[in-house]
């Protein structure tokens, strides 16, 4: 029984949590110009896990009627009947409540207010796939909200660098989640789900690479505006090399290679975080 609920929140597949965690940590380190207070660091990190878990539960609730028709998702707990849709809703509510209580106990009131739309974005995202042509854009906003909250918590306002980092992460999310959508492209076309992989059509690889290019350009701008050191730019160069590798994997749109390329984006986020941390450590 417990195993099914752990699978519901993707406890066995931490890639989504990591892809949300890295930009949030980058935002914290840039906002505080170094290591943030331990309480803030733990609150944001646990908040990432709770909100992503709640998002997974509501995603399976929303997609229960479709998951059984898609090869990659056919064995999810709701698709097999191991968990009911009602219980998935209860899990979503419980995790959302825990995330809100965590923010209420440890963050400033203004940050707490910002946490409400962040949570709403995560909970509502799965339903946008029904009618929004580029739901990856909506997901990108959700996955970038922790950056804004980090700066709000530190200074009660959003400096230009926070907006640029938000835009960089938004571009990155659109790129890697479109790659993820390529994995299910054939199934999504059959069942009528909207994705950027479908919307971008024959230009999908070019648009993915344009998003990565924008991501890199904004990272360079962040380095300039924040007066970051050589170690940061070295990290950006490494990220460029990783993106070139991703392109080699996705250019032929093969399902297995696209999925591996999506997972590989975890290293991009990790390298960016290391580049920022080392900048303030030496």
C-alpha atoms as a PDB file:
ATOM      1  CA  UNK A   1       0.000   0.000   0.000  1.00  0.00           C
ATOM      2  CA  UNK A   2       2.696   2.499   1.017  1.00  0.00           C
ATOM      3  CA  UNK A   3       4.691   1.643  -2.088  1.00  0.00           C
ATOM      4  CA  UNK A   4       1.777   2.684  -4.309  1.00  0.00           C
ATOM      5  CA  UNK A   5       1.558   6.088  -2.635  1.00  0.00           C
ATOM      6  CA  UNK A   6       5.313   6.574  -2.932  1.00  0.00           C
ATOM      7  CA  UNK A   7       4.971   5.829  -6.638  1.00  0.00           C
ATOM      8  CA  UNK A   8       2.083   8.296  -6.830  1.00  0.00           C
ATOM      9  CA  UNK A   9       4.322  11.133  -5.645  1.00  0.00           C
ATOM     10  CA  UNK A  10       7.248   9.826  -7.781  1.00  0.00           C
ATOM     11  CA  UNK A  11       9.414   9.182  -4.727  1.00  0.00           C
ATOM     12  CA  UNK A  12      11.198   6.569  -6.828  1.00  0.00           C
ATOM     13  CA  UNK A  13      11.771   9.092  -9.633  1.00  0.00           C
ATOM     14  CA  UNK A  14      13.388  12.188  -8.101  1.00  0.00           C
ATOM     15  CA  UNK A  15      14.251  13.834 -11.448  1.00  0.00           C
ATOM     16  CA  UNK A  16      11.302  16.251 -11.204  1.00  0.00           C
ATOM     17  CA  UNK A  17      12.261  17.281  -7.679  1.00  0.00           C
ATOM     18  CA  UNK A  18      15.868  17.847  -8.727  1.00  0.00           C
ATOM     19  CA  UNK A  19      14.902  19.910 -11.773  1.00  0.00           C
ATOM     20  CA  UNK A  20      12.828  22.100  -9.470  1.00  0.00           C
ATOM     21  CA  UNK A  21      15.430  22.159  -6.689  1.00  0.00           C
ATOM     22  CA  UNK A  22      18.469  23.355  -8.661  1.00  0.00           C
ATOM     23  CA  UNK A  23      16.991  26.691  -9.869  1.00  0.00           C
ATOM     24  CA  UNK A  24      15.473  27.310  -6.432  1.00  0.00           C
ATOM     25  CA  UNK A  25      18.861  26.821  -4.780  1.00  0.00           C
ATOM     26  CA  UNK A  26      20.500  29.020  -7.422  1.00  0.00           C
ATOM     27  CA  UNK A  27      17.984  31.733  -6.611  1.00  0.00           C
ATOM     28  CA  UNK A  28      18.714  31.427  -2.894  1.00  0.00           C
ATOM     29  CA  UNK A  29      22.503  31.621  -3.347  1.00  0.00           C
ATOM     30  CA  UNK A  30      22.242  34.627  -5.656  1.00  0.00           C
ATOM     31  CA  UNK A  31      19.728  36.385  -3.421  1.00  0.00           C
ATOM     32  CA  UNK A  32      21.869  35.945  -0.297  1.00  0.00           C
ATOM     33  CA  UNK A  33      25.185  36.251  -2.172  1.00  0.00           C
ATOM     34  CA  UNK A  34      26.287  33.023  -0.554  1.00  0.00           C
ATOM     35  CA  UNK A  35      24.909  30.385   1.806  1.00  0.00           C
ATOM     36  CA  UNK A  36      21.367  31.282   2.932  1.00  0.00           C
ATOM     37  CA  UNK A  37      20.299  30.817   6.576  1.00  0.00           C
ATOM     38  CA  UNK A  38      19.886  27.113   7.390  1.00  0.00           C
ATOM     39  CA  UNK A  39      16.202  27.515   8.256  1.00  0.00           C
ATOM     40  CA  UNK A  40      15.508  29.149   4.895  1.00  0.00           C
ATOM     41  CA  UNK A  41      17.532  26.552   3.004  1.00  0.00           C
ATOM     42  CA  UNK A  42      15.702  23.641   4.655  1.00  0.00           C
ATOM     43  CA  UNK A  43      12.290  25.290   4.242  1.00  0.00           C
ATOM     44  CA  UNK A  44      12.744  25.894   0.524  1.00  0.00           C
ATOM     45  CA  UNK A  45      14.239  22.436  -0.067  1.00  0.00           C
ATOM     46  CA  UNK A  46      11.442  20.611   1.755  1.00  0.00           C
ATOM     47  CA  UNK A  47       8.905  22.907   0.109  1.00  0.00           C
ATOM     48  CA  UNK A  48      10.235  21.845  -3.294  1.00  0.00           C
ATOM     49  CA  UNK A  49       9.702  18.189  -2.408  1.00  0.00           C
ATOM     50  CA  UNK A  50       6.180  18.739  -1.053  1.00  0.00           C
ATOM     51  CA  UNK A  51       4.923  20.882  -3.914  1.00  0.00           C
ATOM     52  CA  UNK A  52       6.385  18.622  -6.583  1.00  0.00           C
ATOM     53  CA  UNK A  53       4.858  15.596  -4.836  1.00  0.00           C
ATOM     54  CA  UNK A  54       1.470  17.308  -4.670  1.00  0.00           C
ATOM     55  CA  UNK A  55       1.810  18.185  -8.344  1.00  0.00           C
ATOM     56  CA  UNK A  56       2.459  14.540  -9.227  1.00  0.00           C
ATOM     57  CA  UNK A  57      -0.603  13.385  -7.284  1.00  0.00           C
ATOM     58  CA  UNK A  58      -2.943  15.872  -8.951  1.00  0.00           C
ATOM     59  CA  UNK A  59      -1.342  15.116 -12.323  1.00  0.00           C
ATOM     60  CA  UNK A  60      -2.285  11.448 -11.995  1.00  0.00           C
ATOM     61  CA  UNK A  61      -5.778  12.454 -10.857  1.00  0.00           C
ATOM     62  CA  UNK A  62      -6.192  14.623 -13.956  1.00  0.00           C
ATOM     63  CA  UNK A  63      -4.703  12.023 -16.324  1.00  0.00           C
ATOM     64  CA  UNK A  64      -6.289   8.904 -14.830  1.00  0.00           C
ATOM     65  CA  UNK A  65      -8.398   8.317 -17.934  1.00  0.00           C
ATOM     66  CA  UNK A  66      -5.418   8.735 -20.276  1.00  0.00           C
ATOM     67  CA  UNK A  67      -2.470   7.129 -18.458  1.00  0.00           C
ATOM     68  CA  UNK A  68      -3.637   3.614 -19.217  1.00  0.00           C
ATOM     69  CA  UNK A  69      -3.468   4.407 -22.937  1.00  0.00           C
ATOM     70  CA  UNK A  70       0.166   5.590 -22.839  1.00  0.00           C
ATOM     71  CA  UNK A  71       2.958   3.019 -22.698  1.00  0.00           C
ATOM     72  CA  UNK A  72       5.138   5.046 -20.311  1.00  0.00           C
ATOM     73  CA  UNK A  73       2.347   5.701 -17.787  1.00  0.00           C
ATOM     74  CA  UNK A  74       0.197   2.568 -18.046  1.00  0.00           C
ATOM     75  CA  UNK A  75       1.477   1.169 -14.728  1.00  0.00           C
ATOM     76  CA  UNK A  76       0.887   4.262 -12.613  1.00  0.00           C
ATOM     77  CA  UNK A  77      -1.170   3.542  -9.449  1.00  0.00           C
ATOM     78  CA  UNK A  78      -4.332   5.294 -10.642  1.00  0.00           C
ATOM     79  CA  UNK A  79      -4.131   3.740 -14.084  1.00  0.00           C
ATOM     80  CA  UNK A  80      -3.982   0.247 -12.587  1.00  0.00           C
ATOM     81  CA  UNK A  81      -6.587   0.955  -9.901  1.00  0.00           C
ATOM     82  CA  UNK A  82      -4.135   0.534  -7.017  1.00  0.00           C
ATOM     83  CA  UNK A  83      -5.131   4.010  -5.757  1.00  0.00           C
ATOM     84  CA  UNK A  84      -8.489   5.715  -6.243  1.00  0.00           C
ATOM     85  CA  UNK A  85      -8.872   9.215  -7.662  1.00  0.00           C
ATOM     86  CA  UNK A  86     -10.465  10.270  -4.364  1.00  0.00           C
ATOM     87  CA  UNK A  87      -7.369   9.218  -2.422  1.00  0.00           C
ATOM     88  CA  UNK A  88      -5.116  10.979  -4.914  1.00  0.00           C
ATOM     89  CA  UNK A  89      -7.042  14.175  -4.196  1.00  0.00           C
ATOM     90  CA  UNK A  90      -6.582  13.643  -0.465  1.00  0.00           C
ATOM     91  CA  UNK A  91      -2.837  13.213  -0.976  1.00  0.00           C
ATOM     92  CA  UNK A  92      -2.723  16.421  -3.026  1.00  0.00           C
ATOM     93  CA  UNK A  93      -4.602  18.345  -0.338  1.00  0.00           C
ATOM     94  CA  UNK A  94      -2.490  16.921   2.490  1.00  0.00           C
ATOM     95  CA  UNK A  95       0.844  17.687   0.845  1.00  0.00           C
ATOM     96  CA  UNK A  96      -0.318  21.166  -0.186  1.00  0.00           C
ATOM     97  CA  UNK A  97      -1.396  21.884   3.374  1.00  0.00           C
ATOM     98  CA  UNK A  98       1.959  20.709   4.720  1.00  0.00           C
ATOM     99  CA  UNK A  99       3.780  22.965   2.238  1.00  0.00           C
ATOM    100  CA  UNK A 100       1.674  25.954   3.284  1.00  0.00           C
ATOM    101  CA  UNK A 101       2.184  25.271   7.007  1.00  0.00           C
ATOM    102  CA  UNK A 102       5.928  24.956   6.422  1.00  0.00           C
ATOM    103  CA  UNK A 103       6.012  28.344   4.703  1.00  0.00           C
ATOM    104  CA  UNK A 104       3.765  29.908   7.365  1.00  0.00           C
ATOM    105  CA  UNK A 105       6.057  28.765  10.186  1.00  0.00           C
ATOM    106  CA  UNK A 106       9.387  29.726   8.638  1.00  0.00           C
ATOM    107  CA  UNK A 107       9.041  32.409   5.964  1.00  0.00           C
ATOM    108  CA  UNK A 108       8.159  36.096   5.991  1.00  0.00           C
ATOM    109  CA  UNK A 109       4.467  36.974   5.531  1.00  0.00           C
ATOM    110  CA  UNK A 110       5.115  38.465   2.083  1.00  0.00           C
ATOM    111  CA  UNK A 111       6.842  35.250   0.965  1.00  0.00           C
ATOM    112  CA  UNK A 112       3.942  33.249   2.355  1.00  0.00           C
ATOM    113  CA  UNK A 113       1.603  35.245   0.124  1.00  0.00           C
ATOM    114  CA  UNK A 114       3.794  34.454  -2.872  1.00  0.00           C
ATOM    115  CA  UNK A 115       3.694  30.749  -2.011  1.00  0.00           C
ATOM    116  CA  UNK A 116      -0.063  30.642  -2.675  1.00  0.00           C
ATOM    117  CA  UNK A 117       0.081  31.347  -6.458  1.00  0.00           C
ATOM    118  CA  UNK A 118       3.131  29.064  -6.663  1.00  0.00           C
ATOM    119  CA  UNK A 119       1.103  26.201  -5.237  1.00  0.00           C
ATOM    120  CA  UNK A 120      -1.890  27.021  -7.440  1.00  0.00           C
ATOM    121  CA  UNK A 121       0.350  26.855 -10.517  1.00  0.00           C
ATOM    122  CA  UNK A 122       1.528  23.364  -9.598  1.00  0.00           C
ATOM    123  CA  UNK A 123      -1.961  22.090  -8.844  1.00  0.00           C
ATOM    124  CA  UNK A 124      -3.564  23.545 -11.979  1.00  0.00           C
ATOM    125  CA  UNK A 125      -0.841  22.633 -14.488  1.00  0.00           C
ATOM    126  CA  UNK A 126      -2.150  19.141 -15.382  1.00  0.00           C
ATOM    127  CA  UNK A 127      -5.483  20.585 -16.523  1.00  0.00           C
ATOM    128  CA  UNK A 128      -3.847  23.014 -18.949  1.00  0.00           C
ATOM    129  CA  UNK A 129      -2.858  20.102 -21.174  1.00  0.00           C
ATOM    130  CA  UNK A 130      -6.510  19.853 -22.182  1.00  0.00           C
ATOM    131  CA  UNK A 131      -6.662  23.181 -24.011  1.00  0.00           C
ATOM    132  CA  UNK A 132      -3.374  25.170 -23.800  1.00  0.00           C
ATOM    133  CA  UNK A 133      -1.180  24.644 -26.867  1.00  0.00           C
ATOM    134  CA  UNK A 134       2.111  25.048 -24.971  1.00  0.00           C
ATOM    135  CA  UNK A 135       1.557  23.730 -21.416  1.00  0.00           C
ATOM    136  CA  UNK A 136       5.345  23.586 -21.019  1.00  0.00           C
ATOM    137  CA  UNK A 137       5.267  27.387 -20.787  1.00  0.00           C
ATOM    138  CA  UNK A 138       2.862  27.145 -17.863  1.00  0.00           C
ATOM    139  CA  UNK A 139       5.036  24.479 -16.232  1.00  0.00           C
ATOM    140  CA  UNK A 140       8.065  26.706 -16.730  1.00  0.00           C
ATOM    141  CA  UNK A 141       6.406  29.483 -14.759  1.00  0.00           C
ATOM    142  CA  UNK A 142       5.572  27.032 -11.976  1.00  0.00           C
ATOM    143  CA  UNK A 143       9.110  25.620 -11.896  1.00  0.00           C
ATOM    144  CA  UNK A 144      10.609  29.128 -11.791  1.00  0.00           C
ATOM    145  CA  UNK A 145       8.473  30.554  -8.993  1.00  0.00           C
ATOM    146  CA  UNK A 146      10.868  29.419  -6.268  1.00  0.00           C
ATOM    147  CA  UNK A 147      13.457  31.815  -7.709  1.00  0.00           C
ATOM    148  CA  UNK A 148      11.161  34.786  -7.159  1.00  0.00           C
ATOM    149  CA  UNK A 149      10.252  33.612  -3.656  1.00  0.00           C
ATOM    150  CA  UNK A 150      13.953  33.353  -2.757  1.00  0.00           C
ATOM    151  CA  UNK A 151      14.566  37.014  -3.577  1.00  0.00           C
ATOM    152  CA  UNK A 152      11.317  38.095  -1.928  1.00  0.00           C
ATOM    153  CA  UNK A 153      12.329  36.290   1.252  1.00  0.00           C
ATOM    154  CA  UNK A 154      15.753  37.911   1.261  1.00  0.00           C
ATOM    155  CA  UNK A 155      14.885  41.507   0.388  1.00  0.00           C
ATOM    156  CA  UNK A 156      11.088  41.889  -0.020  1.00  0.00           C
ATOM    157  CA  UNK A 157      11.486  42.926  -3.649  1.00  0.00           C
ATOM    158  CA  UNK A 158      12.496  41.548  -7.043  1.00  0.00           C
ATOM    159  CA  UNK A 159      15.747  42.950  -8.459  1.00  0.00           C
ATOM    160  CA  UNK A 160      16.468  42.740 -12.174  1.00  0.00           C
ATOM    161  CA  UNK A 161      18.693  39.698 -11.720  1.00  0.00           C
ATOM    162  CA  UNK A 162      15.766  37.769 -10.223  1.00  0.00           C
ATOM    163  CA  UNK A 163      13.652  38.474 -13.308  1.00  0.00           C
ATOM    164  CA  UNK A 164      16.488  37.446 -15.630  1.00  0.00           C
ATOM    165  CA  UNK A 165      17.098  34.212 -13.718  1.00  0.00           C
ATOM    166  CA  UNK A 166      13.354  33.554 -13.869  1.00  0.00           C
ATOM    167  CA  UNK A 167      13.464  34.014 -17.648  1.00  0.00           C
ATOM    168  CA  UNK A 168      16.527  31.807 -18.012  1.00  0.00           C
ATOM    169  CA  UNK A 169      14.926  28.995 -16.071  1.00  0.00           C
ATOM    170  CA  UNK A 170      11.660  29.399 -17.964  1.00  0.00           C
ATOM    171  CA  UNK A 171      13.542  28.931 -21.245  1.00  0.00           C
ATOM    172  CA  UNK A 172      15.348  25.884 -19.870  1.00  0.00           C
ATOM    173  CA  UNK A 173      12.119  24.249 -18.654  1.00  0.00           C
ATOM    174  CA  UNK A 174      10.428  24.731 -22.035  1.00  0.00           C
ATOM    175  CA  UNK A 175      13.452  23.102 -23.678  1.00  0.00           C
ATOM    176  CA  UNK A 176      13.731  20.017 -21.486  1.00  0.00           C
ATOM    177  CA  UNK A 177      10.007  19.460 -21.005  1.00  0.00           C
ATOM    178  CA  UNK A 178       9.465  19.649 -24.757  1.00  0.00           C
ATOM    179  CA  UNK A 179      12.089  16.914 -25.047  1.00  0.00           C
ATOM    180  CA  UNK A 180      10.082  14.974 -22.458  1.00  0.00           C
ATOM    181  CA  UNK A 181       6.949  15.516 -24.545  1.00  0.00           C
ATOM    182  CA  UNK A 182       8.705  14.031 -27.571  1.00  0.00           C
ATOM    183  CA  UNK A 183       8.821  10.718 -25.710  1.00  0.00           C
ATOM    184  CA  UNK A 184       5.006  10.517 -25.657  1.00  0.00           C
ATOM    185  CA  UNK A 185       4.401  12.290 -28.954  1.00  0.00           C
ATOM    186  CA  UNK A 186       2.628   9.439 -30.759  1.00  0.00           C
ATOM    187  CA  UNK A 187       0.431   8.597 -27.765  1.00  0.00           C
ATOM    188  CA  UNK A 188      -0.445  12.257 -27.120  1.00  0.00           C
ATOM    189  CA  UNK A 189      -1.524  12.702 -30.730  1.00  0.00           C
ATOM    190  CA  UNK A 190      -3.893   9.738 -30.406  1.00  0.00           C
ATOM    191  CA  UNK A 191      -5.556  10.828 -27.156  1.00  0.00           C
ATOM    192  CA  UNK A 192      -5.660  14.577 -27.865  1.00  0.00           C
ATOM    193  CA  UNK A 193      -3.304  15.931 -25.180  1.00  0.00           C
ATOM    194  CA  UNK A 194      -1.751  19.326 -25.961  1.00  0.00           C
ATOM    195  CA  UNK A 195       2.052  19.617 -25.802  1.00  0.00           C
ATOM    196  CA  UNK A 196       4.708  21.918 -27.194  1.00  0.00           C
ATOM    197  CA  UNK A 197       6.187  18.940 -29.065  1.00  0.00           C
ATOM    198  CA  UNK A 198       2.945  18.783 -31.053  1.00  0.00           C
ATOM    199  CA  UNK A 199       2.484  22.538 -31.383  1.00  0.00           C
ATOM    200  CA  UNK A 200       6.036  23.176 -32.617  1.00  0.00           C
ATOM    201  CA  UNK A 201       5.655  20.477 -35.272  1.00  0.00           C
ATOM    202  CA  UNK A 202       8.571  20.003 -37.660  1.00  0.00           C
ATOM    203  CA  UNK A 203      10.430  22.925 -36.051  1.00  0.00           C
ATOM    204  CA  UNK A 204      10.454  21.329 -32.597  1.00  0.00           C
ATOM    205  CA  UNK A 205      14.206  20.567 -32.459  1.00  0.00           C
ATOM    206  CA  UNK A 206      15.106  24.047 -33.702  1.00  0.00           C
ATOM    207  CA  UNK A 207      12.831  25.689 -31.130  1.00  0.00           C
ATOM    208  CA  UNK A 208      14.238  23.514 -28.342  1.00  0.00           C
ATOM    209  CA  UNK A 209      17.747  24.629 -29.259  1.00  0.00           C
ATOM    210  CA  UNK A 210      16.627  28.276 -29.441  1.00  0.00           C
ATOM    211  CA  UNK A 211      15.308  27.929 -25.887  1.00  0.00           C
ATOM    212  CA  UNK A 212      18.651  26.508 -24.788  1.00  0.00           C
ATOM    213  CA  UNK A 213      20.443  29.372 -26.558  1.00  0.00           C
ATOM    214  CA  UNK A 214      18.285  31.923 -24.738  1.00  0.00           C
ATOM    215  CA  UNK A 215      18.975  30.090 -21.483  1.00  0.00           C
ATOM    216  CA  UNK A 216      22.728  30.354 -22.061  1.00  0.00           C
ATOM    217  CA  UNK A 217      22.543  34.008 -23.119  1.00  0.00           C
ATOM    218  CA  UNK A 218      20.629  34.957 -19.977  1.00  0.00           C
ATOM    219  CA  UNK A 219      23.099  33.018 -17.806  1.00  0.00           C
ATOM    220  CA  UNK A 220      25.923  35.096 -19.278  1.00  0.00           C
ATOM    221  CA  UNK A 221      23.944  38.271 -18.600  1.00  0.00           C
ATOM    222  CA  UNK A 222      23.405  37.172 -14.989  1.00  0.00           C
ATOM    223  CA  UNK A 223      27.137  36.657 -14.588  1.00  0.00           C
ATOM    224  CA  UNK A 224      27.814  40.164 -15.887  1.00  0.00           C
ATOM    225  CA  UNK A 225      25.169  41.926 -13.802  1.00  0.00           C
ATOM    226  CA  UNK A 226      26.021  40.037 -10.604  1.00  0.00           C
ATOM    227  CA  UNK A 227      29.771  40.460 -11.214  1.00  0.00           C
ATOM    228  CA  UNK A 228      30.372  36.750 -10.869  1.00  0.00           C
ATOM    229  CA  UNK A 229      33.821  35.219 -11.091  1.00  0.00           C
ATOM    230  CA  UNK A 230      35.631  32.975 -13.565  1.00  0.00           C
ATOM    231  CA  UNK A 231      34.310  29.778 -11.947  1.00  0.00           C
ATOM    232  CA  UNK A 232      30.778  30.775 -12.902  1.00  0.00           C
ATOM    233  CA  UNK A 233      31.651  31.313 -16.570  1.00  0.00           C
ATOM    234  CA  UNK A 234      33.538  28.014 -16.586  1.00  0.00           C
ATOM    235  CA  UNK A 235      30.292  26.405 -15.446  1.00  0.00           C
ATOM    236  CA  UNK A 236      28.419  28.082 -18.314  1.00  0.00           C
ATOM    237  CA  UNK A 237      30.948  26.667 -20.789  1.00  0.00           C
ATOM    238  CA  UNK A 238      30.430  23.184 -19.339  1.00  0.00           C
ATOM    239  CA  UNK A 239      26.670  23.668 -19.654  1.00  0.00           C
ATOM    240  CA  UNK A 240      27.156  24.574 -23.321  1.00  0.00           C
ATOM    241  CA  UNK A 241      28.989  21.285 -23.835  1.00  0.00           C
ATOM    242  CA  UNK A 242      26.180  19.400 -22.086  1.00  0.00           C
ATOM    243  CA  UNK A 243      23.585  21.075 -24.298  1.00  0.00           C
ATOM    244  CA  UNK A 244      25.530  20.057 -27.408  1.00  0.00           C
ATOM    245  CA  UNK A 245      25.373  16.477 -26.121  1.00  0.00           C
ATOM    246  CA  UNK A 246      21.621  16.818 -25.578  1.00  0.00           C
ATOM    247  CA  UNK A 247      21.224  17.967 -29.187  1.00  0.00           C
ATOM    248  CA  UNK A 248      23.087  14.905 -30.424  1.00  0.00           C
ATOM    249  CA  UNK A 249      20.620  12.730 -28.518  1.00  0.00           C
ATOM    250  CA  UNK A 250      17.400  14.420 -29.669  1.00  0.00           C
ATOM    251  CA  UNK A 251      18.118  15.378 -33.276  1.00  0.00           C
ATOM    252  CA  UNK A 252      16.576  12.177 -34.662  1.00  0.00           C
ATOM    253  CA  UNK A 253      13.660  12.244 -32.174  1.00  0.00           C
ATOM    254  CA  UNK A 254      14.163   8.641 -31.076  1.00  0.00           C
ATOM    255  CA  UNK A 255      12.011   7.945 -28.012  1.00  0.00           C
ATOM    256  CA  UNK A 256      14.649   6.282 -25.815  1.00  0.00           C
ATOM    257  CA  UNK A 257      17.328   8.851 -26.617  1.00  0.00           C
ATOM    258  CA  UNK A 258      14.906  11.729 -25.995  1.00  0.00           C
ATOM    259  CA  UNK A 259      14.016  10.317 -22.593  1.00  0.00           C
ATOM    260  CA  UNK A 260      17.685   9.943 -21.683  1.00  0.00           C
ATOM    261  CA  UNK A 261      18.333  13.493 -22.903  1.00  0.00           C
ATOM    262  CA  UNK A 262      15.524  14.768 -20.675  1.00  0.00           C
ATOM    263  CA  UNK A 263      17.061  13.023 -17.661  1.00  0.00           C
ATOM    264  CA  UNK A 264      20.482  14.420 -18.607  1.00  0.00           C
ATOM    265  CA  UNK A 265      19.198  17.934 -17.914  1.00  0.00           C
ATOM    266  CA  UNK A 266      19.660  17.179 -14.231  1.00  0.00           C
ATOM    267  CA  UNK A 267      23.404  17.591 -14.813  1.00  0.00           C
ATOM    268  CA  UNK A 268      22.835  20.988 -16.399  1.00  0.00           C
ATOM    269  CA  UNK A 269      21.023  22.172 -13.278  1.00  0.00           C
ATOM    270  CA  UNK A 270      23.661  20.650 -11.005  1.00  0.00           C
ATOM    271  CA  UNK A 271      26.547  22.301 -12.875  1.00  0.00           C
ATOM    272  CA  UNK A 272      24.810  25.682 -12.743  1.00  0.00           C
ATOM    273  CA  UNK A 273      24.306  25.339  -9.006  1.00  0.00           C
ATOM    274  CA  UNK A 274      27.942  24.321  -8.483  1.00  0.00           C
ATOM    275  CA  UNK A 275      29.103  27.267 -10.610  1.00  0.00           C
ATOM    276  CA  UNK A 276      27.159  29.703  -8.446  1.00  0.00           C
ATOM    277  CA  UNK A 277      28.173  28.098  -5.149  1.00  0.00           C
ATOM    278  CA  UNK A 278      31.887  28.059  -6.005  1.00  0.00           C
ATOM    279  CA  UNK A 279      31.640  31.696  -7.073  1.00  0.00           C
ATOM    280  CA  UNK A 280      30.733  32.691  -3.515  1.00  0.00           C
ATOM    281  CA  UNK A 281      32.973  30.135  -1.797  1.00  0.00           C
ATOM    282  CA  UNK A 282      36.418  31.137  -3.046  1.00  0.00           C
END
